[in-house]
Amino acid sequence: MKRIIPLVALVALAGCEQEVVPEASAATCAPAAFQQAISELRNEANRKAFTQACRSFDKARQMRSWEFKPSSPDRY
């Protein structure tokens, strides 16, 4: 039992040190916020994951945005 308690404490401390990758949104993927988030991430894998998430977010936003263009009038 005495060995289990330090092991549990070690696992709890190890879990606290993990970086949390910010969720991709309009606010976090804005140029200034993006640069700040990238500079705060220490792990290269987390940087790449956040960069890819922002690229996917921007691509999805571009696909959803559209502008109505009326067709040319018929000349029959």
PDB file of N, CA and C in Angstrom:
ATOM      1  N   MET A   1       0.822  -1.195   0.000  1.00  0.00           N
ATOM      2  CA  MET A   1       0.000   0.000   0.000  1.00  0.00           C
ATOM      3  C   MET A   1       0.863   1.256   0.000  1.00  0.00           C
ATOM      4  N   LYS A   2       1.996   1.193   0.693  1.00  0.00           N
ATOM      5  CA  LYS A   2       2.871   2.362   0.771  1.00  0.00           C
ATOM      6  C   LYS A   2       3.488   2.684  -0.588  1.00  0.00           C
ATOM      7  N   ARG A   3       3.673   1.680  -1.435  1.00  0.00           N
ATOM      8  CA  ARG A   3       4.254   1.920  -2.753  1.00  0.00           C
ATOM      9  C   ARG A   3       3.229   2.493  -3.721  1.00  0.00           C
ATOM     10  N   ILE A   4       1.979   2.219  -3.501  1.00  0.00           N
ATOM     11  CA  ILE A   4       0.938   2.679  -4.415  1.00  0.00           C
ATOM     12  C   ILE A   4       0.726   4.182  -4.285  1.00  0.00           C
ATOM     13  N   ILE A   5       0.801   4.723  -3.096  1.00  0.00           N
ATOM     14  CA  ILE A   5       0.558   6.151  -2.883  1.00  0.00           C
ATOM     15  C   ILE A   5       1.568   7.019  -3.631  1.00  0.00           C
ATOM     16  N   PRO A   6       2.882   6.765  -3.538  1.00  0.00           N
ATOM     17  CA  PRO A   6       3.803   7.586  -4.340  1.00  0.00           C
ATOM     18  C   PRO A   6       3.590   7.420  -5.845  1.00  0.00           C
ATOM     19  N   LEU A   7       3.221   6.226  -6.255  1.00  0.00           N
ATOM     20  CA  LEU A   7       2.977   6.000  -7.675  1.00  0.00           C
ATOM     21  C   LEU A   7       1.774   6.818  -8.147  1.00  0.00           C
ATOM     22  N   VAL A   8       0.725   6.868  -7.364  1.00  0.00           N
ATOM     23  CA  VAL A   8      -0.453   7.661  -7.711  1.00  0.00           C
ATOM     24  C   VAL A   8      -0.095   9.141  -7.737  1.00  0.00           C
ATOM     25  N   ALA A   9       0.702   9.603  -6.801  1.00  0.00           N
ATOM     26  CA  ALA A   9       1.116  11.007  -6.767  1.00  0.00           C
ATOM     27  C   ALA A   9       1.967  11.340  -7.992  1.00  0.00           C
ATOM     28  N   LEU A  10       2.844  10.432  -8.396  1.00  0.00           N
ATOM     29  CA  LEU A  10       3.684  10.652  -9.570  1.00  0.00           C
ATOM     30  C   LEU A  10       2.834  10.735 -10.838  1.00  0.00           C
ATOM     31  N   VAL A  11       1.853   9.865 -10.965  1.00  0.00           N
ATOM     32  CA  VAL A  11       0.969   9.886 -12.132  1.00  0.00           C
ATOM     33  C   VAL A  11       0.154  11.174 -12.149  1.00  0.00           C
ATOM     34  N   ALA A  12      -0.302  11.626 -11.000  1.00  0.00           N
ATOM     35  CA  ALA A  12      -1.085  12.863 -10.932  1.00  0.00           C
ATOM     36  C   ALA A  12      -0.233  14.062 -11.331  1.00  0.00           C
ATOM     37  N   LEU A  13       1.008  14.093 -10.906  1.00  0.00           N
ATOM     38  CA  LEU A  13       1.887  15.203 -11.275  1.00  0.00           C
ATOM     39  C   LEU A  13       2.250  15.163 -12.752  1.00  0.00           C
ATOM     40  N   ALA A  14       2.448  13.989 -13.285  1.00  0.00           N
ATOM     41  CA  ALA A  14       2.790  13.866 -14.700  1.00  0.00           C
ATOM     42  C   ALA A  14       1.636  14.346 -15.577  1.00  0.00           C
ATOM     43  N   GLY A  15       0.411  14.130 -15.148  1.00  0.00           N
ATOM     44  CA  GLY A  15      -0.748  14.574 -15.907  1.00  0.00           C
ATOM     45  C   GLY A  15      -0.905  16.074 -15.917  1.00  0.00           C
ATOM     46  N   CYS A  16      -0.389  16.743 -14.908  1.00  0.00           N
ATOM     47  CA  CYS A  16      -0.528  18.192 -14.824  1.00  0.00           C
ATOM     48  C   CYS A  16       0.399  18.919 -15.788  1.00  0.00           C
ATOM     49  N   GLU A  17       1.451  18.279 -16.222  1.00  0.00           N
ATOM     50  CA  GLU A  17       2.454  18.939 -17.051  1.00  0.00           C
ATOM     51  C   GLU A  17       2.144  18.870 -18.547  1.00  0.00           C
ATOM     52  N   GLN A  18       1.094  18.178 -18.925  1.00  0.00           N
ATOM     53  CA  GLN A  18       0.781  18.059 -20.344  1.00  0.00           C
ATOM     54  C   GLN A  18       0.221  19.368 -20.870  1.00  0.00           C
ATOM     55  N   GLU A  19       0.665  19.733 -22.069  1.00  0.00           N
ATOM     56  CA  GLU A  19       0.164  20.948 -22.708  1.00  0.00           C
ATOM     57  C   GLU A  19      -1.229  20.698 -23.275  1.00  0.00           C
ATOM     58  N   VAL A  20      -2.019  21.713 -23.241  1.00  0.00           N
ATOM     59  CA  VAL A  20      -3.342  21.639 -23.839  1.00  0.00           C
ATOM     60  C   VAL A  20      -3.302  22.445 -25.129  1.00  0.00           C
ATOM     61  N   VAL A  21      -3.618  21.782 -26.222  1.00  0.00           N
ATOM     62  CA  VAL A  21      -3.645  22.456 -27.524  1.00  0.00           C
ATOM     63  C   VAL A  21      -4.931  23.260 -27.605  1.00  0.00           C
ATOM     64  N   PRO A  22      -4.844  24.550 -27.923  1.00  0.00           N
ATOM     65  CA  PRO A  22      -6.069  25.361 -28.022  1.00  0.00           C
ATOM     66  C   PRO A  22      -6.979  24.848 -29.129  1.00  0.00           C
ATOM     67  N   GLU A  23      -8.263  25.014 -28.928  1.00  0.00           N
ATOM     68  CA  GLU A  23      -9.235  24.607 -29.937  1.00  0.00           C
ATOM     69  C   GLU A  23      -9.234  25.623 -31.074  1.00  0.00           C
ATOM     70  N   ALA A  24      -9.310  25.126 -32.282  1.00  0.00           N
ATOM     71  CA  ALA A  24      -9.322  26.013 -33.445  1.00  0.00           C
ATOM     72  C   ALA A  24     -10.668  26.719 -33.536  1.00  0.00           C
ATOM     73  N   SER A  25     -10.630  28.042 -33.549  1.00  0.00           N
ATOM     74  CA  SER A  25     -11.842  28.850 -33.690  1.00  0.00           C
ATOM     75  C   SER A  25     -11.447  30.142 -34.391  1.00  0.00           C
ATOM     76  N   ALA A  26     -12.430  30.977 -34.657  1.00  0.00           N
ATOM     77  CA  ALA A  26     -12.136  32.252 -35.316  1.00  0.00           C
ATOM     78  C   ALA A  26     -11.232  33.107 -34.442  1.00  0.00           C
ATOM     79  N   ALA A  27     -11.418  33.043 -33.131  1.00  0.00           N
ATOM     80  CA  ALA A  27     -10.603  33.857 -32.225  1.00  0.00           C
ATOM     81  C   ALA A  27      -9.179  33.334 -32.113  1.00  0.00           C
ATOM     82  N   THR A  28      -9.008  32.014 -32.016  1.00  0.00           N
ATOM     83  CA  THR A  28      -7.658  31.469 -31.828  1.00  0.00           C
ATOM     84  C   THR A  28      -6.880  31.357 -33.129  1.00  0.00           C
ATOM     85  N   CYS A  29      -7.568  31.337 -34.262  1.00  0.00           N
ATOM     86  CA  CYS A  29      -6.870  31.231 -35.547  1.00  0.00           C
ATOM     87  C   CYS A  29      -6.638  32.581 -36.214  1.00  0.00           C
ATOM     88  N   ALA A  30      -7.035  33.675 -35.561  1.00  0.00           N
ATOM     89  CA  ALA A  30      -6.714  35.009 -36.067  1.00  0.00           C
ATOM     90  C   ALA A  30      -5.197  35.165 -36.035  1.00  0.00           C
ATOM     91  N   PRO A  31      -4.614  35.931 -36.958  1.00  0.00           N
ATOM     92  CA  PRO A  31      -3.144  35.995 -37.060  1.00  0.00           C
ATOM     93  C   PRO A  31      -2.416  36.305 -35.744  1.00  0.00           C
ATOM     94  N   ALA A  32      -2.860  37.282 -35.005  1.00  0.00           N
ATOM     95  CA  ALA A  32      -2.159  37.647 -33.766  1.00  0.00           C
ATOM     96  C   ALA A  32      -2.314  36.561 -32.709  1.00  0.00           C
ATOM     97  N   ALA A  33      -3.518  36.054 -32.557  1.00  0.00           N
ATOM     98  CA  ALA A  33      -3.758  35.013 -31.555  1.00  0.00           C
ATOM     99  C   ALA A  33      -3.067  33.711 -31.947  1.00  0.00           C
ATOM    100  N   PHE A  34      -3.011  33.437 -33.238  1.00  0.00           N
ATOM    101  CA  PHE A  34      -2.333  32.230 -33.719  1.00  0.00           C
ATOM    102  C   PHE A  34      -0.850  32.267 -33.370  1.00  0.00           C
ATOM    103  N   GLN A  35      -0.197  33.401 -33.637  1.00  0.00           N
ATOM    104  CA  GLN A  35       1.229  33.528 -33.328  1.00  0.00           C
ATOM    105  C   GLN A  35       1.483  33.409 -31.828  1.00  0.00           C
ATOM    106  N   GLN A  36       0.600  33.965 -31.027  1.00  0.00           N
ATOM    107  CA  GLN A  36       0.760  33.883 -29.585  1.00  0.00           C
ATOM    108  C   GLN A  36       0.597  32.436 -29.112  1.00  0.00           C
ATOM    109  N   ALA A  37      -0.400  31.738 -29.644  1.00  0.00           N
ATOM    110  CA  ALA A  37      -0.633  30.348 -29.244  1.00  0.00           C
ATOM    111  C   ALA A  37       0.535  29.462 -29.664  1.00  0.00           C
ATOM    112  N   ILE A  38       1.062  29.680 -30.861  1.00  0.00           N
ATOM    113  CA  ILE A  38       2.195  28.885 -31.335  1.00  0.00           C
ATOM    114  C   ILE A  38       3.423  29.131 -30.461  1.00  0.00           C
ATOM    115  N   SER A  39       3.648  30.374 -30.065  1.00  0.00           N
ATOM    116  CA  SER A  39       4.825  30.674 -29.247  1.00  0.00           C
ATOM    117  C   SER A  39       4.702  30.095 -27.835  1.00  0.00           C
ATOM    118  N   GLU A  40       3.478  29.900 -27.354  1.00  0.00           N
ATOM    119  CA  GLU A  40       3.292  29.343 -26.020  1.00  0.00           C
ATOM    120  C   GLU A  40       3.402  27.823 -25.989  1.00  0.00           C
ATOM    121  N   LEU A  41       3.202  27.167 -27.138  1.00  0.00           N
ATOM    122  CA  LEU A  41       3.294  25.710 -27.178  1.00  0.00           C
ATOM    123  C   LEU A  41       4.763  25.291 -27.238  1.00  0.00           C
ATOM    124  N   ARG A  42       5.154  24.390 -26.349  1.00  0.00           N
ATOM    125  CA  ARG A  42       6.543  23.948 -26.301  1.00  0.00           C
ATOM    126  C   ARG A  42       6.777  22.709 -27.143  1.00  0.00           C
ATOM    127  N   ASN A  43       5.786  21.870 -27.264  1.00  0.00           N
ATOM    128  CA  ASN A  43       5.934  20.605 -27.975  1.00  0.00           C
ATOM    129  C   ASN A  43       5.694  20.820 -29.470  1.00  0.00           C
ATOM    130  N   GLU A  44       6.611  20.341 -30.289  1.00  0.00           N
ATOM    131  CA  GLU A  44       6.511  20.509 -31.748  1.00  0.00           C
ATOM    132  C   GLU A  44       5.284  19.790 -32.300  1.00  0.00           C
ATOM    133  N   ALA A  45       4.954  18.633 -31.758  1.00  0.00           N
ATOM    134  CA  ALA A  45       3.773  17.901 -32.226  1.00  0.00           C
ATOM    135  C   ALA A  45       2.499  18.704 -31.948  1.00  0.00           C
ATOM    136  N   ASN A  46       2.454  19.377 -30.807  1.00  0.00           N
ATOM    137  CA  ASN A  46       1.292  20.205 -30.485  1.00  0.00           C
ATOM    138  C   ASN A  46       1.206  21.420 -31.407  1.00  0.00           C
ATOM    139  N   ARG A  47       2.355  21.988 -31.762  1.00  0.00           N
ATOM    140  CA  ARG A  47       2.364  23.114 -32.707  1.00  0.00           C
ATOM    141  C   ARG A  47       1.808  22.680 -34.058  1.00  0.00           C
ATOM    142  N   LYS A  48       2.264  21.527 -34.519  1.00  0.00           N
ATOM    143  CA  LYS A  48       1.794  21.027 -35.814  1.00  0.00           C
ATOM    144  C   LYS A  48       0.310  20.705 -35.764  1.00  0.00           C
ATOM    145  N   ALA A  49      -0.145  20.122 -34.664  1.00  0.00           N
ATOM    146  CA  ALA A  49      -1.566  19.793 -34.531  1.00  0.00           C
ATOM    147  C   ALA A  49      -2.420  21.060 -34.540  1.00  0.00           C
ATOM    148  N   PHE A  50      -1.968  22.094 -33.838  1.00  0.00           N
ATOM    149  CA  PHE A  50      -2.724  23.345 -33.799  1.00  0.00           C
ATOM    150  C   PHE A  50      -2.718  24.025 -35.167  1.00  0.00           C
ATOM    151  N   THR A  51      -1.581  24.009 -35.824  1.00  0.00           N
ATOM    152  CA  THR A  51      -1.485  24.598 -37.167  1.00  0.00           C
ATOM    153  C   THR A  51      -2.425  23.883 -38.129  1.00  0.00           C
ATOM    154  N   GLN A  52      -2.439  22.563 -38.085  1.00  0.00           N
ATOM    155  CA  GLN A  52      -3.320  21.795 -38.963  1.00  0.00           C
ATOM    156  C   GLN A  52      -4.786  22.047 -38.628  1.00  0.00           C
ATOM    157  N   ALA A  53      -5.100  22.163 -37.346  1.00  0.00           N
ATOM    158  CA  ALA A  53      -6.484  22.432 -36.938  1.00  0.00           C
ATOM    159  C   ALA A  53      -6.935  23.800 -37.453  1.00  0.00           C
ATOM    160  N   CYS A  54      -6.062  24.792 -37.385  1.00  0.00           N
ATOM    161  CA  CYS A  54      -6.420  26.124 -37.891  1.00  0.00           C
ATOM    162  C   CYS A  54      -6.567  26.117 -39.407  1.00  0.00           C
ATOM    163  N   ARG A  55      -5.730  25.382 -40.095  1.00  0.00           N
ATOM    164  CA  ARG A  55      -5.870  25.288 -41.552  1.00  0.00           C
ATOM    165  C   ARG A  55      -7.193  24.643 -41.929  1.00  0.00           C
ATOM    166  N   SER A  56      -7.557  23.583 -41.217  1.00  0.00           N
ATOM    167  CA  SER A  56      -8.839  22.923 -41.475  1.00  0.00           C
ATOM    168  C   SER A  56     -10.000  23.853 -41.172  1.00  0.00           C
ATOM    169  N   PHE A  57      -9.889  24.603 -40.081  1.00  0.00           N
ATOM    170  CA  PHE A  57     -10.939  25.542 -39.707  1.00  0.00           C
ATOM    171  C   PHE A  57     -11.101  26.612 -40.779  1.00  0.00           C
ATOM    172  N   ASP A  58      -9.992  27.170 -41.259  1.00  0.00           N
ATOM    173  CA  ASP A  58     -10.058  28.206 -42.297  1.00  0.00           C
ATOM    174  C   ASP A  58     -10.621  27.658 -43.602  1.00  0.00           C
ATOM    175  N   LYS A  59     -10.228  26.441 -43.953  1.00  0.00           N
ATOM    176  CA  LYS A  59     -10.731  25.833 -45.189  1.00  0.00           C
ATOM    177  C   LYS A  59     -12.239  25.594 -45.087  1.00  0.00           C
ATOM    178  N   ALA A  60     -12.705  25.124 -43.937  1.00  0.00           N
ATOM    179  CA  ALA A  60     -14.140  24.897 -43.745  1.00  0.00           C
ATOM    180  C   ALA A  60     -14.909  26.222 -43.772  1.00  0.00           C
ATOM    181  N   ARG A  61     -14.322  27.260 -43.210  1.00  0.00           N
ATOM    182  CA  ARG A  61     -14.975  28.567 -43.216  1.00  0.00           C
ATOM    183  C   ARG A  61     -15.080  29.098 -44.646  1.00  0.00           C
ATOM    184  N   GLN A  62     -14.039  28.893 -45.453  1.00  0.00           N
ATOM    185  CA  GLN A  62     -14.083  29.335 -46.844  1.00  0.00           C
ATOM    186  C   GLN A  62     -15.121  28.560 -47.644  1.00  0.00           C
ATOM    187  N   MET A  63     -15.285  27.281 -47.346  1.00  0.00           N
ATOM    188  CA  MET A  63     -16.253  26.472 -48.070  1.00  0.00           C
ATOM    189  C   MET A  63     -17.685  26.871 -47.716  1.00  0.00           C
ATOM    190  N   ARG A  64     -17.902  27.333 -46.494  1.00  0.00           N
ATOM    191  CA  ARG A  64     -19.248  27.720 -46.065  1.00  0.00           C
ATOM    192  C   ARG A  64     -19.629  29.122 -46.512  1.00  0.00           C
ATOM    193  N   SER A  65     -18.654  29.959 -46.789  1.00  0.00           N
ATOM    194  CA  SER A  65     -18.981  31.324 -47.189  1.00  0.00           C
ATOM    195  C   SER A  65     -19.215  31.369 -48.698  1.00  0.00           C
ATOM    196  N   TRP A  66     -20.239  32.060 -49.100  1.00  0.00           N
ATOM    197  CA  TRP A  66     -20.545  32.185 -50.508  1.00  0.00           C
ATOM    198  C   TRP A  66     -21.264  33.496 -50.722  1.00  0.00           C
ATOM    199  N   GLU A  67     -21.294  33.913 -51.950  1.00  0.00           N
ATOM    200  CA  GLU A  67     -21.940  35.164 -52.310  1.00  0.00           C
ATOM    201  C   GLU A  67     -22.950  34.882 -53.412  1.00  0.00           C
ATOM    202  N   PHE A  68     -24.140  35.432 -53.279  1.00  0.00           N
ATOM    203  CA  PHE A  68     -25.176  35.220 -54.274  1.00  0.00           C
ATOM    204  C   PHE A  68     -24.838  36.008 -55.534  1.00  0.00           C
ATOM    205  N   LYS A  69     -24.805  35.309 -56.638  1.00  0.00           N
ATOM    206  CA  LYS A  69     -24.582  35.947 -57.930  1.00  0.00           C
ATOM    207  C   LYS A  69     -25.756  35.590 -58.823  1.00  0.00           C
ATOM    208  N   PRO A  70     -26.597  36.553 -59.127  1.00  0.00           N
ATOM    209  CA  PRO A  70     -27.751  36.239 -59.969  1.00  0.00           C
ATOM    210  C   PRO A  70     -27.288  35.868 -61.388  1.00  0.00           C
ATOM    211  N   SER A  71     -28.043  34.992 -61.966  1.00  0.00           N
ATOM    212  CA  SER A  71     -27.693  34.569 -63.319  1.00  0.00           C
ATOM    213  C   SER A  71     -28.060  35.687 -64.304  1.00  0.00           C
ATOM    214  N   SER A  72     -27.478  35.613 -65.452  1.00  0.00           N
ATOM    215  CA  SER A  72     -27.751  36.647 -66.467  1.00  0.00           C
ATOM    216  C   SER A  72     -29.201  36.511 -66.950  1.00  0.00           C
ATOM    217  N   PRO A  73     -29.812  37.596 -67.319  1.00  0.00           N
ATOM    218  CA  PRO A  73     -31.208  37.524 -67.776  1.00  0.00           C
ATOM    219  C   PRO A  73     -31.299  36.756 -69.106  1.00  0.00           C
ATOM    220  N   ASP A  74     -32.350  36.033 -69.210  1.00  0.00           N
ATOM    221  CA  ASP A  74     -32.560  35.267 -70.453  1.00  0.00           C
ATOM    222  C   ASP A  74     -32.971  36.212 -71.577  1.00  0.00           C
ATOM    223  N   ARG A  75     -32.537  35.932 -72.772  1.00  0.00           N
ATOM    224  CA  ARG A  75     -32.878  36.768 -73.912  1.00  0.00           C
ATOM    225  C   ARG A  75     -33.626  35.929 -74.955  1.00  0.00           C
ATOM    226  N   TYR A  76     -34.734  35.397 -74.548  1.00  0.00           N
ATOM    227  CA  TYR A  76     -35.529  34.593 -75.471  1.00  0.00           C
ATOM    228  C   TYR A  76     -36.699  35.376 -75.972  1.00  0.00           C
TER     229      TYR A  76
END
